[in-house]
């Protein structure tokens, strides 16, 4: 006697333990029952393979709770924060020759936060791409970012001293985000060389995305929702928005890791793509010109007074009273 087909066996209304030799399931071929492209089939397929009465379209009930993140992280090469800057002889800017450079500290926070999002495993991260516009030496900070955990890098090559204005950087990042199909941009709230603090806001405006600036905490609350905590003058403010969005980082967000030697070696094998401004439709034309840069006036030394009468006399002498 042959094994009865699953079509001949009525499906009971109570759970049925799996038979040691389960009957073959019917094959249903129809386009209307094919699972959509945005469903997770791994767990569903596992359940299908262990129960003979699960229909092929069962995976439709397993939908992704959140879009996979494609994070774009802009980084900038600046004079190291521990170096005291000096004005050059021509008084056109800060002396950069022979001076130690490193990644902008706020951008280090952005890279670290992106890697932590992936390590948290609560949110699927498909890609972490770092991008920087600058001379050939800018590749050093891109390698550092990849050693910290970024997947790949894009180097937009420019000439030495050819700096972009914040609006130009925002336009460049807009094109990069569109080309890379990014749905989250995390960048420092400012760079320590010009302290403009404008790029993130301009980028969000150009893309038409939500923005959360000066983030001290980033949480993913389910679906495509992101909750950002930021410190303001009046206390702590909590914002909630949906992807895609732009987040700028503040110093309290995290503490960046040091790149280990094994990861530094691995970073040398990660892809680093070289591009030009023209590849993104950017000309690099400046609308502002720096006329002159001078050192701040030296501070005068303080003086001691013997008593209160001496203090009052000194304040009157200085015109403070």
Protein backbone atom coordinates (compact mmCIF):
# COMPACT_ATOMS: atom_id res chain seq x y z
CA UNK A 1 0.00 0.00 0.00
CA UNK A 2 1.47 3.37 -1.00
CA UNK A 3 1.90 6.37 1.23
CA UNK A 4 -1.22 8.59 1.01
CA UNK A 5 -0.76 12.00 -0.56
CA UNK A 6 -1.16 15.14 1.52
CA UNK A 7 -4.09 16.05 -0.71
CA UNK A 8 -5.94 12.97 0.59
CA UNK A 9 -5.31 13.77 4.25
CA UNK A 10 -7.70 16.29 5.82
CA UNK A 11 -6.00 19.04 7.81
CA UNK A 12 -7.09 18.71 11.47
CA UNK A 13 -7.94 21.72 13.61
CA UNK A 14 -5.53 20.67 16.37
CA UNK A 15 -1.72 20.47 16.24
CA UNK A 16 -0.40 17.31 14.64
CA UNK A 17 3.08 16.02 15.49
CA UNK A 18 5.34 15.49 12.56
CA UNK A 19 5.38 11.95 11.22
CA UNK A 20 8.75 10.17 10.92
CA UNK A 21 8.05 9.90 7.18
CA UNK A 22 5.90 12.93 6.33
CA UNK A 23 3.69 12.88 3.30
CA UNK A 24 4.78 15.08 0.42
CA UNK A 25 3.15 18.51 0.36
CA UNK A 26 1.21 19.67 -2.68
CA UNK A 27 2.99 22.03 -5.06
CA UNK A 28 0.98 25.19 -5.70
CA UNK A 29 2.15 27.22 -8.67
CA UNK A 30 0.52 30.62 -8.83
CA UNK A 31 1.84 34.14 -9.07
CA UNK A 32 -0.65 35.51 -6.57
CA UNK A 33 0.80 33.33 -3.81
CA UNK A 34 4.46 34.15 -4.40
CA UNK A 35 6.04 35.88 -1.40
CA UNK A 36 6.78 39.60 -1.77
CA UNK A 37 10.36 40.74 -2.08
CA UNK A 38 10.33 42.51 1.30
CA UNK A 39 9.71 39.46 3.47
CA UNK A 40 12.05 37.41 5.60
CA UNK A 41 11.90 33.79 4.46
CA UNK A 42 14.67 32.19 6.48
CA UNK A 43 12.62 31.35 9.59
CA UNK A 44 9.52 30.61 7.53
CA UNK A 45 11.38 28.17 5.31
CA UNK A 46 12.72 26.42 8.40
CA UNK A 47 9.20 25.98 9.74
CA UNK A 48 7.98 24.79 6.34
CA UNK A 49 10.61 22.07 6.22
CA UNK A 50 9.54 20.63 9.58
CA UNK A 51 5.76 20.61 9.18
CA UNK A 52 3.97 18.84 6.30
CA UNK A 53 0.85 20.99 6.37
CA UNK A 54 2.36 24.47 6.02
CA UNK A 55 1.41 25.93 2.61
CA UNK A 56 4.14 27.42 0.40
CA UNK A 57 2.88 30.99 0.85
CA UNK A 58 3.38 30.89 4.64
CA UNK A 59 6.46 33.18 4.47
CA UNK A 60 4.18 36.12 3.61
CA UNK A 61 3.41 36.65 7.30
CA UNK A 62 7.09 37.38 8.11
CA UNK A 63 7.71 40.96 7.08
CA UNK A 64 10.78 42.99 7.84
CA UNK A 65 10.27 45.27 10.79
CA UNK A 66 12.84 47.76 9.52
CA UNK A 67 14.64 48.65 6.33
CA UNK A 68 18.26 47.54 6.18
CA UNK A 69 20.46 50.54 6.88
CA UNK A 70 22.84 51.90 4.29
CA UNK A 71 24.82 54.41 6.33
CA UNK A 72 26.90 57.18 4.77
CA UNK A 73 29.52 58.68 7.09
CA UNK A 74 31.38 61.83 5.93
CA UNK A 75 34.81 62.32 7.51
CA UNK A 76 37.29 65.17 7.24
CA UNK A 77 41.05 65.44 7.61
CA UNK A 78 41.92 68.32 9.94
CA UNK A 79 44.84 69.49 12.05
CA UNK A 80 45.06 67.26 15.10
CA UNK A 81 43.12 68.66 18.05
CA UNK A 82 46.23 68.50 20.28
CA UNK A 83 48.21 70.80 17.96
CA UNK A 84 48.11 74.55 18.57
CA UNK A 85 47.33 76.15 15.19
CA UNK A 86 49.49 78.99 13.84
CA UNK A 87 48.66 81.55 11.17
CA UNK A 88 50.85 81.29 8.07
CA UNK A 89 53.14 84.10 6.97
CA UNK A 90 50.82 85.24 4.19
CA UNK A 91 47.99 85.55 6.75
CA UNK A 92 45.65 83.67 4.41
CA UNK A 93 44.93 80.81 6.79
CA UNK A 94 46.39 78.37 9.26
CA UNK A 95 49.80 76.81 8.63
CA UNK A 96 49.27 73.19 7.55
CA UNK A 97 52.71 72.19 6.22
CA UNK A 98 54.55 69.78 8.49
CA UNK A 99 51.67 69.72 10.98
CA UNK A 100 50.09 66.53 12.30
CA UNK A 101 46.65 65.81 10.86
CA UNK A 102 43.97 63.37 11.97
CA UNK A 103 40.27 62.67 11.60
CA UNK A 104 37.91 65.37 12.81
CA UNK A 105 36.92 64.32 16.38
CA UNK A 106 33.19 64.73 15.70
CA UNK A 107 33.53 62.49 12.65
CA UNK A 108 35.18 59.80 14.78
CA UNK A 109 31.98 59.77 16.83
CA UNK A 110 29.96 59.25 13.64
CA UNK A 111 32.04 56.26 12.56
CA UNK A 112 31.89 54.75 16.05
CA UNK A 113 28.12 55.16 16.27
CA UNK A 114 27.61 53.53 12.87
CA UNK A 115 29.68 50.51 13.92
CA UNK A 116 27.87 50.28 17.26
CA UNK A 117 24.51 50.21 15.49
CA UNK A 118 25.70 47.16 13.57
CA UNK A 119 27.22 45.52 16.65
CA UNK A 120 23.98 46.02 18.58
CA UNK A 121 22.30 43.59 16.16
CA UNK A 122 18.91 45.17 16.80
CA UNK A 123 18.96 46.91 13.46
CA UNK A 124 20.07 45.32 10.17
CA UNK A 125 23.01 47.25 8.67
CA UNK A 126 23.73 46.47 5.05
CA UNK A 127 26.55 48.92 4.39
CA UNK A 128 28.72 51.49 6.18
CA UNK A 129 30.45 53.76 3.67
CA UNK A 130 32.81 56.57 4.67
CA UNK A 131 33.49 59.45 2.30
CA UNK A 132 35.99 62.30 2.35
CA UNK A 133 36.97 65.09 -0.02
CA UNK A 134 40.60 66.15 0.12
CA UNK A 135 44.14 65.60 -1.16
CA UNK A 136 45.80 62.19 -1.40
CA UNK A 137 46.72 62.27 2.29
CA UNK A 138 43.00 62.13 3.14
CA UNK A 139 43.16 58.41 2.39
CA UNK A 140 44.83 57.94 5.78
CA UNK A 141 41.69 58.86 7.70
CA UNK A 142 39.56 56.74 5.38
CA UNK A 143 41.74 53.73 6.19
CA UNK A 144 41.41 54.59 9.87
CA UNK A 145 37.62 54.67 9.56
CA UNK A 146 37.64 51.26 7.86
CA UNK A 147 39.91 49.93 10.60
CA UNK A 148 37.28 51.08 13.09
CA UNK A 149 34.65 49.02 11.27
CA UNK A 150 33.45 50.77 8.11
CA UNK A 151 32.96 48.49 5.09
CA UNK A 152 34.32 50.69 2.31
CA UNK A 153 35.43 54.21 1.49
CA UNK A 154 35.08 56.85 -1.21
CA UNK A 155 37.87 59.38 -1.69
CA UNK A 156 36.88 62.49 -3.65
CA UNK A 157 40.25 63.80 -4.78
CA UNK A 158 40.89 67.55 -4.60
CA UNK A 159 44.00 69.67 -4.83
CA UNK A 160 45.99 70.67 -1.76
CA UNK A 161 44.33 73.73 -0.24
CA UNK A 162 41.18 73.32 -2.36
CA UNK A 163 38.60 73.35 0.41
CA UNK A 164 34.87 73.18 -0.20
CA UNK A 165 32.35 75.47 1.41
CA UNK A 166 29.70 73.86 3.63
CA UNK A 167 27.10 74.20 0.87
CA UNK A 168 29.46 72.57 -1.63
CA UNK A 169 30.06 69.70 0.78
CA UNK A 170 26.31 69.31 1.30
CA UNK A 171 25.74 69.13 -2.46
CA UNK A 172 28.51 66.55 -2.77
CA UNK A 173 27.03 64.43 0.02
CA UNK A 174 23.56 64.68 -1.49
CA UNK A 175 24.84 63.22 -4.75
CA UNK A 176 26.81 60.55 -2.87
CA UNK A 177 23.79 59.55 -0.78
CA UNK A 178 21.67 59.18 -3.90
CA UNK A 179 24.32 57.19 -5.78
CA UNK A 180 24.90 54.85 -2.84
CA UNK A 181 21.17 54.55 -2.04
CA UNK A 182 21.86 55.58 1.55
CA UNK A 183 18.95 55.98 3.95
CA UNK A 184 20.92 57.32 6.92
CA UNK A 185 23.71 59.90 7.05
CA UNK A 186 25.64 60.30 10.31
CA UNK A 187 28.18 63.13 10.42
CA UNK A 188 29.88 65.36 12.95
CA UNK A 189 28.01 68.49 13.98
CA UNK A 190 31.04 70.56 12.92
CA UNK A 191 34.69 70.32 11.95
CA UNK A 192 37.25 71.81 14.31
CA UNK A 193 39.03 73.79 11.59
CA UNK A 194 36.27 76.17 10.48
CA UNK A 195 33.58 75.42 13.13
CA UNK A 196 30.89 76.21 10.56
CA UNK A 197 28.36 73.63 11.80
CA UNK A 198 26.22 73.98 8.66
CA UNK A 199 26.74 70.91 6.48
CA UNK A 200 24.33 68.53 8.21
CA UNK A 201 21.43 70.96 8.16
CA UNK A 202 22.04 71.93 4.53
CA UNK A 203 22.27 68.28 3.51
CA UNK A 204 18.94 67.44 5.15
CA UNK A 205 17.36 70.39 3.37
CA UNK A 206 18.73 69.38 -0.04
CA UNK A 207 17.61 65.77 0.41
CA UNK A 208 14.28 66.67 1.97
CA UNK A 209 15.02 64.29 4.86
CA UNK A 210 14.33 64.58 8.56
CA UNK A 211 17.24 65.80 10.67
CA UNK A 212 18.37 65.53 14.28
CA UNK A 213 21.38 67.63 15.23
CA UNK A 214 23.87 67.37 18.11
CA UNK A 215 22.80 63.85 19.05
CA UNK A 216 23.93 62.52 22.44
CA UNK A 217 21.98 59.24 22.07
CA UNK A 218 20.52 57.36 19.10
CA UNK A 219 17.94 54.58 19.44
CA UNK A 220 15.95 52.58 16.90
CA UNK A 221 12.44 52.10 18.24
CA UNK A 222 10.96 49.71 15.68
CA UNK A 223 9.84 50.04 12.11
CA UNK A 224 11.77 52.83 10.44
CA UNK A 225 11.58 55.09 13.50
CA UNK A 226 14.67 56.62 15.09
CA UNK A 227 14.71 58.36 18.46
CA UNK A 228 17.45 60.91 19.08
CA UNK A 229 18.29 62.55 22.39
CA UNK A 230 20.08 65.89 22.30
CA UNK A 231 21.29 68.25 25.00
CA UNK A 232 19.99 71.79 24.70
CA UNK A 233 20.34 74.89 26.86
CA UNK A 234 17.10 74.16 28.70
CA UNK A 235 17.85 70.50 29.41
CA UNK A 236 17.44 67.35 27.33
CA UNK A 237 15.32 67.15 24.19
CA UNK A 238 14.10 63.91 22.58
CA UNK A 239 13.19 63.80 18.90
CA UNK A 240 11.60 61.00 16.89
CA UNK A 241 11.62 60.69 13.11
CA UNK A 242 11.47 58.10 10.37
CA UNK A 243 14.12 57.08 7.90
CA UNK A 244 15.63 58.40 5.75
CA UNK A 245 17.25 61.03 7.94
CA UNK A 246 20.40 62.98 8.76
CA UNK A 247 21.98 62.85 12.23
CA UNK A 248 24.82 65.07 13.46
CA UNK A 249 26.86 63.93 16.45
CA UNK A 250 27.85 65.63 19.69
CA UNK A 251 30.75 64.75 21.97
CA UNK A 252 28.60 62.94 24.55
CA UNK A 253 27.31 60.39 22.03
CA UNK A 254 30.05 57.80 22.56
CA UNK A 255 33.76 57.24 23.02
CA UNK A 256 35.48 56.19 19.77
CA UNK A 257 37.53 53.01 19.85
CA UNK A 258 41.17 52.71 18.92
CA UNK A 259 41.81 50.78 15.73
CA UNK A 260 43.63 47.54 16.57
CA UNK A 261 46.62 46.40 14.54
CA UNK A 262 44.78 43.40 13.01
CA UNK A 263 41.93 45.69 11.92
CA UNK A 264 44.41 48.19 10.49
CA UNK A 265 45.85 45.40 8.36
CA UNK A 266 42.37 44.29 7.29
CA UNK A 267 41.47 47.86 6.35
CA UNK A 268 44.21 47.85 3.71
CA UNK A 269 42.26 45.19 1.83
CA UNK A 270 38.90 46.95 2.03
CA UNK A 271 37.72 48.78 -1.11
CA UNK A 272 38.65 52.45 -1.43
CA UNK A 273 37.06 54.08 -4.47
CA UNK A 274 38.63 57.20 -5.97
CA UNK A 275 36.40 59.83 -7.54
CA UNK A 276 36.47 63.49 -8.52
CA UNK A 277 34.13 66.39 -7.88
CA UNK A 278 32.97 66.13 -11.49
CA UNK A 279 31.71 62.60 -10.81
CA UNK A 280 29.17 64.14 -8.46
CA UNK A 281 28.40 67.17 -10.60
CA UNK A 282 30.26 69.56 -8.27
CA UNK A 283 32.49 72.37 -9.55
CA UNK A 284 34.02 73.43 -6.24
CA UNK A 285 33.45 77.10 -7.03
CA UNK A 286 33.65 79.33 -3.96
CA UNK A 287 31.37 82.25 -3.21
CA UNK A 288 33.35 83.44 -0.19
CA UNK A 289 36.96 84.56 -0.04
CA UNK A 290 39.12 84.77 3.07
CA UNK A 291 40.70 88.22 3.13
CA UNK A 292 42.96 87.98 6.14
CA UNK A 293 43.64 85.76 9.13
CA UNK A 294 45.45 87.11 12.19
CA UNK A 295 46.49 85.77 15.56
CA UNK A 296 44.30 86.76 18.52
CA UNK A 297 45.80 89.52 20.68
CA UNK A 298 47.87 88.18 23.58
CA UNK A 299 46.18 88.21 26.95
CA UNK A 300 47.67 90.51 29.55
CA UNK A 301 48.87 89.03 32.79
CA UNK A 302 46.84 89.49 35.94
CA UNK A 303 47.88 91.50 38.96
CA UNK A 304 47.51 91.05 42.70
CA UNK A 305 45.93 93.53 45.09
CA UNK A 306 46.53 93.71 48.82
CA UNK A 307 42.99 94.46 50.05
CA UNK A 308 39.48 95.49 49.02
CA UNK A 309 40.43 99.17 48.76
CA UNK A 310 43.20 98.25 46.34
CA UNK A 311 40.75 96.17 44.27
CA UNK A 312 38.26 99.03 44.05
CA UNK A 313 41.02 101.45 43.12
CA UNK A 314 42.24 99.12 40.36
CA UNK A 315 38.74 98.65 38.95
CA UNK A 316 38.23 102.41 38.83
CA UNK A 317 41.56 102.77 37.07
CA UNK A 318 40.47 100.28 34.41
CA UNK A 319 37.12 102.01 34.01
CA UNK A 320 35.17 99.03 35.30
CA UNK A 321 33.55 101.13 38.06
